Amino acid sequence: MRYILIYDIPDDRTRMKIAEICLDYGLDRIQYSAFLGRLTRGQQKEMMKKIRRRLGKRTGKILVIPVDANAWRERVEIVQEE
């Protein structure tokens, strides 16, 4: 299943560490605080445990959204590069 992970984490160090966890699980950065990629349900749960430990008691919000094949096919993108 594809997942979109987005976060709002004020602490720079914590935010960088959580981004590293996302990259370690093969997610691609699609915005500064947004990642996308395929994970098994087990990988998703494991990744969230690591993220929860890293966040600890610091302020932050992390949202993981599953994207099924139908929703993925209906996505609309505008990509404009120099």
PDB file of N, CA and C in Angstrom:
ATOM      1  N   MET A   1       0.854  -1.177   0.000  1.00  0.00           N
ATOM      2  CA  MET A   1       0.000   0.000   0.000  1.00  0.00           C
ATOM      3  C   MET A   1       0.894   1.233   0.000  1.00  0.00           C
ATOM      4  N   ARG A   2       0.458   2.265  -0.699  1.00  0.00           N
ATOM      5  CA  ARG A   2       1.161   3.546  -0.655  1.00  0.00           C
ATOM      6  C   ARG A   2       0.679   4.324   0.564  1.00  0.00           C
ATOM      7  N   TYR A   3       1.593   5.092   1.126  1.00  0.00           N
ATOM      8  CA  TYR A   3       1.264   5.958   2.251  1.00  0.00           C
ATOM      9  C   TYR A   3       1.829   7.336   1.996  1.00  0.00           C
ATOM     10  N   ILE A   4       1.090   8.333   2.427  1.00  0.00           N
ATOM     11  CA  ILE A   4       1.594   9.704   2.487  1.00  0.00           C
ATOM     12  C   ILE A   4       1.798  10.003   3.960  1.00  0.00           C
ATOM     13  N   LEU A   5       2.970  10.482   4.302  1.00  0.00           N
ATOM     14  CA  LEU A   5       3.278  10.875   5.675  1.00  0.00           C
ATOM     15  C   LEU A   5       3.580  12.364   5.662  1.00  0.00           C
ATOM     16  N   ILE A   6       2.868  13.105   6.500  1.00  0.00           N
ATOM     17  CA  ILE A   6       3.130  14.537   6.633  1.00  0.00           C
ATOM     18  C   ILE A   6       3.327  14.855   8.107  1.00  0.00           C
ATOM     19  N   TYR A   7       4.117  15.874   8.363  1.00  0.00           N
ATOM     20  CA  TYR A   7       4.354  16.229   9.761  1.00  0.00           C
ATOM     21  C   TYR A   7       4.538  17.720   9.935  1.00  0.00           C
ATOM     22  N   ASP A   8       4.305  18.138  11.170  1.00  0.00           N
ATOM     23  CA  ASP A   8       4.561  19.507  11.606  1.00  0.00           C
ATOM     24  C   ASP A   8       5.298  19.379  12.924  1.00  0.00           C
ATOM     25  N   ILE A   9       6.600  19.604  12.887  1.00  0.00           N
ATOM     26  CA  ILE A   9       7.455  19.423  14.055  1.00  0.00           C
ATOM     27  C   ILE A   9       8.333  20.664  14.191  1.00  0.00           C
ATOM     28  N   PRO A  10       8.125  21.450  15.245  1.00  0.00           N
ATOM     29  CA  PRO A  10       8.880  22.704  15.394  1.00  0.00           C
ATOM     30  C   PRO A  10      10.386  22.522  15.644  1.00  0.00           C
ATOM     31  N   ASP A  11      10.770  21.474  16.358  1.00  0.00           N
ATOM     32  CA  ASP A  11      12.176  21.279  16.718  1.00  0.00           C
ATOM     33  C   ASP A  11      12.978  20.779  15.508  1.00  0.00           C
ATOM     34  N   ASP A  12      13.968  21.557  15.080  1.00  0.00           N
ATOM     35  CA  ASP A  12      14.751  21.238  13.883  1.00  0.00           C
ATOM     36  C   ASP A  12      15.421  19.867  13.965  1.00  0.00           C
ATOM     37  N   ARG A  13      16.073  19.592  15.067  1.00  0.00           N
ATOM     38  CA  ARG A  13      16.807  18.324  15.216  1.00  0.00           C
ATOM     39  C   ARG A  13      15.858  17.128  15.137  1.00  0.00           C
ATOM     40  N   THR A  14      14.742  17.213  15.835  1.00  0.00           N
ATOM     41  CA  THR A  14      13.764  16.131  15.823  1.00  0.00           C
ATOM     42  C   THR A  14      13.188  15.960  14.420  1.00  0.00           C
ATOM     43  N   ARG A  15      12.886  17.062  13.775  1.00  0.00           N
ATOM     44  CA  ARG A  15      12.333  17.020  12.414  1.00  0.00           C
ATOM     45  C   ARG A  15      13.315  16.341  11.460  1.00  0.00           C
ATOM     46  N   MET A  16      14.594  16.660  11.566  1.00  0.00           N
ATOM     47  CA  MET A  16      15.599  16.044  10.701  1.00  0.00           C
ATOM     48  C   MET A  16      15.703  14.542  10.962  1.00  0.00           C
ATOM     49  N   LYS A  17      15.652  14.148  12.228  1.00  0.00           N
ATOM     50  CA  LYS A  17      15.754  12.722  12.575  1.00  0.00           C
ATOM     51  C   LYS A  17      14.549  11.949  12.052  1.00  0.00           C
ATOM     52  N   ILE A  18      13.376  12.539  12.135  1.00  0.00           N
ATOM     53  CA  ILE A  18      12.175  11.864  11.638  1.00  0.00           C
ATOM     54  C   ILE A  18      12.225  11.767  10.116  1.00  0.00           C
ATOM     55  N   ALA A  19      12.737  12.786   9.450  1.00  0.00           N
ATOM     56  CA  ALA A  19      12.915  12.721   7.992  1.00  0.00           C
ATOM     57  C   ALA A  19      13.863  11.577   7.633  1.00  0.00           C
ATOM     58  N   GLU A  20      14.918  11.391   8.416  1.00  0.00           N
ATOM     59  CA  GLU A  20      15.866  10.299   8.165  1.00  0.00           C
ATOM     60  C   GLU A  20      15.174   8.944   8.307  1.00  0.00           C
ATOM     61  N   ILE A  21      14.300   8.814   9.294  1.00  0.00           N
ATOM     62  CA  ILE A  21      13.559   7.561   9.467  1.00  0.00           C
ATOM     63  C   ILE A  21      12.704   7.297   8.230  1.00  0.00           C
ATOM     64  N   CYS A  22      12.013   8.309   7.742  1.00  0.00           N
ATOM     65  CA  CYS A  22      11.184   8.157   6.542  1.00  0.00           C
ATOM     66  C   CYS A  22      12.034   7.696   5.358  1.00  0.00           C
ATOM     67  N   LEU A  23      13.180   8.312   5.179  1.00  0.00           N
ATOM     68  CA  LEU A  23      14.067   7.942   4.079  1.00  0.00           C
ATOM     69  C   LEU A  23      14.594   6.525   4.261  1.00  0.00           C
ATOM     70  N   ASP A  24      14.890   6.138   5.508  1.00  0.00           N
ATOM     71  CA  ASP A  24      15.360   4.775   5.790  1.00  0.00           C
ATOM     72  C   ASP A  24      14.336   3.725   5.382  1.00  0.00           C
ATOM     73  N   TYR A  25      13.066   4.075   5.429  1.00  0.00           N
ATOM     74  CA  TYR A  25      12.003   3.149   5.033  1.00  0.00           C
ATOM     75  C   TYR A  25      11.655   3.260   3.547  1.00  0.00           C
ATOM     76  N   GLY A  26      12.457   4.005   2.809  1.00  0.00           N
ATOM     77  CA  GLY A  26      12.286   4.079   1.370  1.00  0.00           C
ATOM     78  C   GLY A  26      11.245   5.066   0.892  1.00  0.00           C
ATOM     79  N   LEU A  27      10.772   5.915   1.793  1.00  0.00           N
ATOM     80  CA  LEU A  27       9.802   6.923   1.371  1.00  0.00           C
ATOM     81  C   LEU A  27      10.529   8.036   0.610  1.00  0.00           C
ATOM     82  N   ASP A  28       9.847   8.626  -0.339  1.00  0.00           N
ATOM     83  CA  ASP A  28      10.404   9.734  -1.121  1.00  0.00           C
ATOM     84  C   ASP A  28       9.851  11.046  -0.594  1.00  0.00           C
ATOM     85  N   ARG A  29      10.732  12.015  -0.464  1.00  0.00           N
ATOM     86  CA  ARG A  29      10.276  13.337  -0.029  1.00  0.00           C
ATOM     87  C   ARG A  29       9.560  14.004  -1.197  1.00  0.00           C
ATOM     88  N   ILE A  30       8.307  14.420  -0.964  1.00  0.00           N
ATOM     89  CA  ILE A  30       7.543  15.077  -2.023  1.00  0.00           C
ATOM     90  C   ILE A  30       7.328  16.557  -1.725  1.00  0.00           C
ATOM     91  N   GLN A  31       7.510  16.955  -0.497  1.00  0.00           N
ATOM     92  CA  GLN A  31       7.498  18.351  -0.056  1.00  0.00           C
ATOM     93  C   GLN A  31       8.449  18.395   1.146  1.00  0.00           C
ATOM     94  N   TYR A  32       8.702  19.569   1.688  1.00  0.00           N
ATOM     95  CA  TYR A  32       9.625  19.663   2.821  1.00  0.00           C
ATOM     96  C   TYR A  32       9.206  18.778   3.988  1.00  0.00           C
ATOM     97  N   SER A  33       7.944  18.718   4.282  1.00  0.00           N
ATOM     98  CA  SER A  33       7.466  17.923   5.422  1.00  0.00           C
ATOM     99  C   SER A  33       6.464  16.867   4.985  1.00  0.00           C
ATOM    100  N   ALA A  34       6.677  16.305   3.801  1.00  0.00           N
ATOM    101  CA  ALA A  34       5.768  15.285   3.281  1.00  0.00           C
ATOM    102  C   ALA A  34       6.560  14.215   2.536  1.00  0.00           C
ATOM    103  N   PHE A  35       6.181  12.973   2.781  1.00  0.00           N
ATOM    104  CA  PHE A  35       6.832  11.825   2.160  1.00  0.00           C
ATOM    105  C   PHE A  35       5.776  10.911   1.571  1.00  0.00           C
ATOM    106  N   LEU A  36       6.187  10.123   0.571  1.00  0.00           N
ATOM    107  CA  LEU A  36       5.289   9.191  -0.092  1.00  0.00           C
ATOM    108  C   LEU A  36       6.056   7.923  -0.397  1.00  0.00           C
ATOM    109  N   GLY A  37       5.412   6.782  -0.219  1.00  0.00           N
ATOM    110  CA  GLY A  37       6.054   5.534  -0.594  1.00  0.00           C
ATOM    111  C   GLY A  37       5.217   4.332  -0.248  1.00  0.00           C
ATOM    112  N   ARG A  38       5.712   3.187  -0.688  1.00  0.00           N
ATOM    113  CA  ARG A  38       5.045   1.914  -0.433  1.00  0.00           C
ATOM    114  C   ARG A  38       5.629   1.278   0.828  1.00  0.00           C
ATOM    115  N   LEU A  39       4.738   0.807   1.662  1.00  0.00           N
ATOM    116  CA  LEU A  39       5.120   0.094   2.886  1.00  0.00           C
ATOM    117  C   LEU A  39       4.136  -1.039   3.105  1.00  0.00           C
ATOM    118  N   THR A  40       4.629  -2.105   3.698  1.00  0.00           N
ATOM    119  CA  THR A  40       3.693  -3.111   4.174  1.00  0.00           C
ATOM    120  C   THR A  40       3.076  -2.571   5.454  1.00  0.00           C
ATOM    121  N   ARG A  41       1.998  -3.182   5.887  1.00  0.00           N
ATOM    122  CA  ARG A  41       1.365  -2.755   7.144  1.00  0.00           C
ATOM    123  C   ARG A  41       2.353  -2.899   8.306  1.00  0.00           C
ATOM    124  N   GLY A  42       3.131  -3.973   8.291  1.00  0.00           N
ATOM    125  CA  GLY A  42       4.135  -4.190   9.334  1.00  0.00           C
ATOM    126  C   GLY A  42       5.208  -3.116   9.330  1.00  0.00           C
ATOM    127  N   GLN A  43       5.688  -2.742   8.155  1.00  0.00           N
ATOM    128  CA  GLN A  43       6.690  -1.679   8.052  1.00  0.00           C
ATOM    129  C   GLN A  43       6.130  -0.354   8.552  1.00  0.00           C
ATOM    130  N   GLN A  44       4.867  -0.097   8.198  1.00  0.00           N
ATOM    131  CA  GLN A  44       4.240   1.158   8.621  1.00  0.00           C
ATOM    132  C   GLN A  44       4.165   1.216  10.140  1.00  0.00           C
ATOM    133  N   LYS A  45       3.761   0.127  10.775  1.00  0.00           N
ATOM    134  CA  LYS A  45       3.664   0.096  12.238  1.00  0.00           C
ATOM    135  C   LYS A  45       5.039   0.246  12.877  1.00  0.00           C
ATOM    136  N   GLU A  46       6.029  -0.448  12.329  1.00  0.00           N
ATOM    137  CA  GLU A  46       7.392  -0.375  12.854  1.00  0.00           C
ATOM    138  C   GLU A  46       7.958   1.041  12.726  1.00  0.00           C
ATOM    139  N   MET A  47       7.750   1.655  11.565  1.00  0.00           N
ATOM    140  CA  MET A  47       8.235   3.012  11.328  1.00  0.00           C
ATOM    141  C   MET A  47       7.585   3.990  12.307  1.00  0.00           C
ATOM    142  N   MET A  48       6.288   3.847  12.527  1.00  0.00           N
ATOM    143  CA  MET A  48       5.596   4.755  13.441  1.00  0.00           C
ATOM    144  C   MET A  48       6.081   4.578  14.885  1.00  0.00           C
ATOM    145  N   LYS A  49       6.440   3.367  15.284  1.00  0.00           N
ATOM    146  CA  LYS A  49       7.013   3.161  16.626  1.00  0.00           C
ATOM    147  C   LYS A  49       8.322   3.937  16.759  1.00  0.00           C
ATOM    148  N   LYS A  50       9.171   3.840  15.718  1.00  0.00           N
ATOM    149  CA  LYS A  50      10.447   4.572  15.744  1.00  0.00           C
ATOM    150  C   LYS A  50      10.210   6.078  15.781  1.00  0.00           C
ATOM    151  N   ILE A  51       9.260   6.549  14.995  1.00  0.00           N
ATOM    152  CA  ILE A  51       8.956   7.979  14.963  1.00  0.00           C
ATOM    153  C   ILE A  51       8.417   8.432  16.314  1.00  0.00           C
ATOM    154  N   ARG A  52       7.526   7.645  16.905  1.00  0.00           N
ATOM    155  CA  ARG A  52       6.963   7.991  18.215  1.00  0.00           C
ATOM    156  C   ARG A  52       8.072   8.080  19.280  1.00  0.00           C
ATOM    157  N   ARG A  53       9.005   7.125  19.240  1.00  0.00           N
ATOM    158  CA  ARG A  53      10.130   7.165  20.198  1.00  0.00           C
ATOM    159  C   ARG A  53      10.987   8.407  19.977  1.00  0.00           C
ATOM    160  N   ARG A  54      11.261   8.724  18.706  1.00  0.00           N
ATOM    161  CA  ARG A  54      12.106   9.882  18.395  1.00  0.00           C
ATOM    162  C   ARG A  54      11.426  11.180  18.802  1.00  0.00           C
ATOM    163  N   LEU A  55      10.121  11.283  18.588  1.00  0.00           N
ATOM    164  CA  LEU A  55       9.381  12.487  18.957  1.00  0.00           C
ATOM    165  C   LEU A  55       9.354  12.649  20.473  1.00  0.00           C
ATOM    166  N   GLY A  56       9.217  11.526  21.186  1.00  0.00           N
ATOM    167  CA  GLY A  56       9.194  11.584  22.645  1.00  0.00           C
ATOM    168  C   GLY A  56       8.083  12.490  23.133  1.00  0.00           C
ATOM    169  N   LYS A  57       8.418  13.407  24.030  1.00  0.00           N
ATOM    170  CA  LYS A  57       7.416  14.327  24.581  1.00  0.00           C
ATOM    171  C   LYS A  57       7.440  15.690  23.898  1.00  0.00           C
ATOM    172  N   ARG A  58       8.230  15.788  22.816  1.00  0.00           N
ATOM    173  CA  ARG A  58       8.315  17.059  22.097  1.00  0.00           C
ATOM    174  C   ARG A  58       7.017  17.330  21.327  1.00  0.00           C
ATOM    175  N   THR A  59       6.763  18.577  21.061  1.00  0.00           N
ATOM    176  CA  THR A  59       5.591  18.987  20.296  1.00  0.00           C
ATOM    177  C   THR A  59       5.720  18.514  18.859  1.00  0.00           C
ATOM    178  N   GLY A  60       4.631  18.001  18.315  1.00  0.00           N
ATOM    179  CA  GLY A  60       4.643  17.593  16.924  1.00  0.00           C
ATOM    180  C   GLY A  60       3.348  16.919  16.528  1.00  0.00           C
ATOM    181  N   LYS A  61       3.113  16.910  15.242  1.00  0.00           N
ATOM    182  CA  LYS A  61       1.951  16.221  14.693  1.00  0.00           C
ATOM    183  C   LYS A  61       2.410  15.464  13.462  1.00  0.00           C
ATOM    184  N   ILE A  62       2.077  14.173  13.424  1.00  0.00           N
ATOM    185  CA  ILE A  62       2.464  13.313  12.315  1.00  0.00           C
ATOM    186  C   ILE A  62       1.207  12.610  11.835  1.00  0.00           C
ATOM    187  N   LEU A  63       0.993  12.647  10.537  1.00  0.00           N
ATOM    188  CA  LEU A  63      -0.196  12.043   9.955  1.00  0.00           C
ATOM    189  C   LEU A  63       0.236  11.089   8.849  1.00  0.00           C
ATOM    190  N   VAL A  64      -0.259   9.856   8.916  1.00  0.00           N
ATOM    191  CA  VAL A  64       0.015   8.860   7.890  1.00  0.00           C
ATOM    192  C   VAL A  64      -1.315   8.522   7.219  1.00  0.00           C
ATOM    193  N   ILE A  65      -1.347   8.690   5.906  1.00  0.00           N
ATOM    194  CA  ILE A  65      -2.580   8.497   5.140  1.00  0.00           C
ATOM    195  C   ILE A  65      -2.370   7.370   4.136  1.00  0.00           C
ATOM    196  N   PRO A  66      -3.145   6.294   4.244  1.00  0.00           N
ATOM    197  CA  PRO A  66      -3.047   5.245   3.227  1.00  0.00           C
ATOM    198  C   PRO A  66      -3.694   5.716   1.933  1.00  0.00           C
ATOM    199  N   VAL A  67      -3.077   5.347   0.813  1.00  0.00           N
ATOM    200  CA  VAL A  67      -3.596   5.723  -0.494  1.00  0.00           C
ATOM    201  C   VAL A  67      -3.789   4.434  -1.299  1.00  0.00           C
ATOM    202  N   ASP A  68      -5.038   4.029  -1.491  1.00  0.00           N
ATOM    203  CA  ASP A  68      -5.285   2.793  -2.244  1.00  0.00           C
ATOM    204  C   ASP A  68      -5.087   3.033  -3.743  1.00  0.00           C
ATOM    205  N   ALA A  69      -5.084   1.949  -4.505  1.00  0.00           N
ATOM    206  CA  ALA A  69      -4.792   2.021  -5.936  1.00  0.00           C
ATOM    207  C   ALA A  69      -5.782   2.921  -6.676  1.00  0.00           C
ATOM    208  N   ASN A  70      -7.056   2.873  -6.299  1.00  0.00           N
ATOM    209  CA  ASN A  70      -8.054   3.715  -6.972  1.00  0.00           C
ATOM    210  C   ASN A  70      -7.779   5.191  -6.747  1.00  0.00           C
ATOM    211  N   ALA A  71      -7.505   5.564  -5.512  1.00  0.00           N
ATOM    212  CA  ALA A  71      -7.200   6.963  -5.207  1.00  0.00           C
ATOM    213  C   ALA A  71      -5.928   7.405  -5.924  1.00  0.00           C
ATOM    214  N   TRP A  72      -4.933   6.523  -5.985  1.00  0.00           N
ATOM    215  CA  TRP A  72      -3.673   6.862  -6.641  1.00  0.00           C
ATOM    216  C   TRP A  72      -3.888   7.130  -8.136  1.00  0.00           C
ATOM    217  N   ARG A  73      -4.703   6.309  -8.777  1.00  0.00           N
ATOM    218  CA  ARG A  73      -4.980   6.501 -10.202  1.00  0.00           C
ATOM    219  C   ARG A  73      -5.686   7.821 -10.470  1.00  0.00           C
ATOM    220  N   GLU A  74      -6.438   8.306  -9.517  1.00  0.00           N
ATOM    221  CA  GLU A  74      -7.203   9.541  -9.711  1.00  0.00           C
ATOM    222  C   GLU A  74      -6.462  10.796  -9.262  1.00  0.00           C
ATOM    223  N   ARG A  75      -5.212  10.657  -8.856  1.00  0.00           N
ATOM    224  CA  ARG A  75      -4.450  11.821  -8.414  1.00  0.00           C
ATOM    225  C   ARG A  75      -4.272  12.809  -9.559  1.00  0.00           C
ATOM    226  N   VAL A  76      -4.087  14.042  -9.208  1.00  0.00           N
ATOM    227  CA  VAL A  76      -3.824  15.102 -10.180  1.00  0.00           C
ATOM    228  C   VAL A  76      -2.552  15.791  -9.729  1.00  0.00           C
ATOM    229  N   GLU A  77      -1.620  15.938 -10.644  1.00  0.00           N
ATOM    230  CA  GLU A  77      -0.343  16.561 -10.310  1.00  0.00           C
ATOM    231  C   GLU A  77      -0.053  17.703 -11.276  1.00  0.00           C
ATOM    232  N   ILE A  78       0.559  18.723 -10.751  1.00  0.00           N
ATOM    233  CA  ILE A  78       1.160  19.756 -11.590  1.00  0.00           C
ATOM    234  C   ILE A  78       2.604  19.854 -11.137  1.00  0.00           C
ATOM    235  N   VAL A  79       3.509  19.551 -12.026  1.00  0.00           N
ATOM    236  CA  VAL A  79       4.935  19.643 -11.716  1.00  0.00           C
ATOM    237  C   VAL A  79       5.541  20.587 -12.734  1.00  0.00           C
ATOM    238  N   GLN A  80       6.076  21.668 -12.227  1.00  0.00           N
ATOM    239  CA  GLN A  80       6.677  22.678 -13.108  1.00  0.00           C
ATOM    240  C   GLN A  80       8.060  22.952 -12.589  1.00  0.00           C
ATOM    241  N   GLU A  81       9.048  22.690 -13.417  1.00  0.00           N
ATOM    242  CA  GLU A  81      10.429  22.898 -13.011  1.00  0.00           C
ATOM    243  C   GLU A  81      11.096  23.866 -13.980  1.00  0.00           C
ATOM    244  N   GLU A  82      12.178  24.440 -13.506  1.00  0.00           N
ATOM    245  CA  GLU A  82      12.910  25.391 -14.355  1.00  0.00           C
ATOM    246  C   GLU A  82      13.555  24.682 -15.505  1.00  0.00           C
TER     247      GLU A  82
END
